Amino acid sequence: MYRICSLLLGYVFGNILTAEIVSRRTSGKSSFDRGTGNPGMANMINQDGIKSGALVWIGDLRKTIIR
């Protein structure tokens, strides 16, 4: 039962794109439509600066720790 719950929780958290949330809050556009189109920390740093990249990194790190 623990394994099933862990898999489901990992699936749910894996579907939450932190860069998408940060991108929509900062620019109103999807992270897929900006820069390289890769929804990740490096693209967010290139498009919005170090603060947005740090927010993405912290959000992804929190998802990993919670899981």
C-alpha atoms as a PDB file:
ATOM      1  CA  MET A   1       0.000   0.000   0.000  1.00  0.00           C
ATOM      2  CA  TYR A   2       2.887   2.368   0.809  1.00  0.00           C
ATOM      3  CA  ARG A   3       4.359   1.791  -2.644  1.00  0.00           C
ATOM      4  CA  ILE A   4       1.080   2.592  -4.404  1.00  0.00           C
ATOM      5  CA  CYS A   5       0.630   5.806  -2.416  1.00  0.00           C
ATOM      6  CA  SER A   6       4.206   6.797  -3.157  1.00  0.00           C
ATOM      7  CA  LEU A   7       3.719   6.198  -6.885  1.00  0.00           C
ATOM      8  CA  LEU A   8       0.488   8.194  -6.953  1.00  0.00           C
ATOM      9  CA  LEU A   9       2.014  11.079  -5.021  1.00  0.00           C
ATOM     10  CA  GLY A  10       5.043  11.097  -7.330  1.00  0.00           C
ATOM     11  CA  TYR A  11       2.766  11.137 -10.364  1.00  0.00           C
ATOM     12  CA  VAL A  12       0.734  14.055  -9.028  1.00  0.00           C
ATOM     13  CA  PHE A  13       3.796  16.109  -8.098  1.00  0.00           C
ATOM     14  CA  GLY A  14       5.451  15.256 -11.410  1.00  0.00           C
ATOM     15  CA  ASN A  15       2.542  16.834 -13.250  1.00  0.00           C
ATOM     16  CA  ILE A  16       2.938  20.150 -11.440  1.00  0.00           C
ATOM     17  CA  LEU A  17       5.303  22.326 -13.449  1.00  0.00           C
ATOM     18  CA  THR A  18       6.794  24.928 -11.146  1.00  0.00           C
ATOM     19  CA  ALA A  19       8.271  26.892 -14.055  1.00  0.00           C
ATOM     20  CA  GLU A  20       4.819  27.145 -15.635  1.00  0.00           C
ATOM     21  CA  ILE A  21       3.354  28.598 -12.453  1.00  0.00           C
ATOM     22  CA  VAL A  22       6.202  31.113 -12.056  1.00  0.00           C
ATOM     23  CA  SER A  23       6.094  32.080 -15.744  1.00  0.00           C
ATOM     24  CA  ARG A  24       2.354  32.717 -15.719  1.00  0.00           C
ATOM     25  CA  ARG A  25       2.669  34.816 -12.552  1.00  0.00           C
ATOM     26  CA  THR A  26       5.578  36.926 -13.814  1.00  0.00           C
ATOM     27  CA  SER A  27       4.704  37.424 -17.481  1.00  0.00           C
ATOM     28  CA  GLY A  28       1.227  36.026 -18.046  1.00  0.00           C
ATOM     29  CA  LYS A  29       2.601  33.678 -20.719  1.00  0.00           C
ATOM     30  CA  SER A  30       3.299  29.966 -20.760  1.00  0.00           C
ATOM     31  CA  SER A  31       6.887  28.849 -20.201  1.00  0.00           C
ATOM     32  CA  PHE A  32       6.531  26.723 -23.348  1.00  0.00           C
ATOM     33  CA  ASP A  33       6.055  29.906 -25.416  1.00  0.00           C
ATOM     34  CA  ARG A  34       9.074  31.716 -24.020  1.00  0.00           C
ATOM     35  CA  GLY A  35      12.774  31.323 -24.716  1.00  0.00           C
ATOM     36  CA  THR A  36      13.775  27.760 -25.515  1.00  0.00           C
ATOM     37  CA  GLY A  37      10.321  26.399 -24.719  1.00  0.00           C
ATOM     38  CA  ASN A  38      11.759  24.181 -22.026  1.00  0.00           C
ATOM     39  CA  PRO A  39       9.826  24.576 -18.758  1.00  0.00           C
ATOM     40  CA  GLY A  40      12.817  24.567 -16.458  1.00  0.00           C
ATOM     41  CA  MET A  41      15.007  26.653 -14.233  1.00  0.00           C
ATOM     42  CA  ALA A  42      17.601  27.595 -16.878  1.00  0.00           C
ATOM     43  CA  ASN A  43      14.970  28.928 -19.269  1.00  0.00           C
ATOM     44  CA  MET A  44      13.366  30.945 -16.484  1.00  0.00           C
ATOM     45  CA  ILE A  45      16.730  32.463 -15.541  1.00  0.00           C
ATOM     46  CA  ASN A  46      17.307  33.456 -19.172  1.00  0.00           C
ATOM     47  CA  GLN A  47      13.842  34.965 -19.546  1.00  0.00           C
ATOM     48  CA  ASP A  48      13.074  36.546 -16.160  1.00  0.00           C
ATOM     49  CA  GLY A  49      16.293  36.592 -14.176  1.00  0.00           C
ATOM     50  CA  ILE A  50      17.801  34.840 -11.201  1.00  0.00           C
ATOM     51  CA  LYS A  51      14.841  35.451  -8.879  1.00  0.00           C
ATOM     52  CA  SER A  52      12.425  33.497 -11.085  1.00  0.00           C
ATOM     53  CA  GLY A  53      14.983  30.751 -11.586  1.00  0.00           C
ATOM     54  CA  ALA A  54      15.479  30.494  -7.843  1.00  0.00           C
ATOM     55  CA  LEU A  55      11.713  30.234  -7.303  1.00  0.00           C
ATOM     56  CA  VAL A  56      11.524  27.374  -9.793  1.00  0.00           C
ATOM     57  CA  TRP A  57      14.475  25.622  -8.156  1.00  0.00           C
ATOM     58  CA  ILE A  58      12.986  25.994  -4.674  1.00  0.00           C
ATOM     59  CA  GLY A  59       9.584  24.771  -5.869  1.00  0.00           C
ATOM     60  CA  ASP A  60      11.082  21.715  -7.561  1.00  0.00           C
ATOM     61  CA  LEU A  61      13.223  20.990  -4.526  1.00  0.00           C
ATOM     62  CA  ARG A  62      10.180  21.168  -2.232  1.00  0.00           C
ATOM     63  CA  LYS A  63       8.294  18.727  -4.453  1.00  0.00           C
ATOM     64  CA  THR A  64      11.206  16.306  -4.204  1.00  0.00           C
ATOM     65  CA  ILE A  65      11.500  16.608  -0.420  1.00  0.00           C
ATOM     66  CA  ILE A  66       7.751  16.157   0.133  1.00  0.00           C
ATOM     67  CA  ARG A  67       7.641  13.083  -2.069  1.00  0.00           C
END
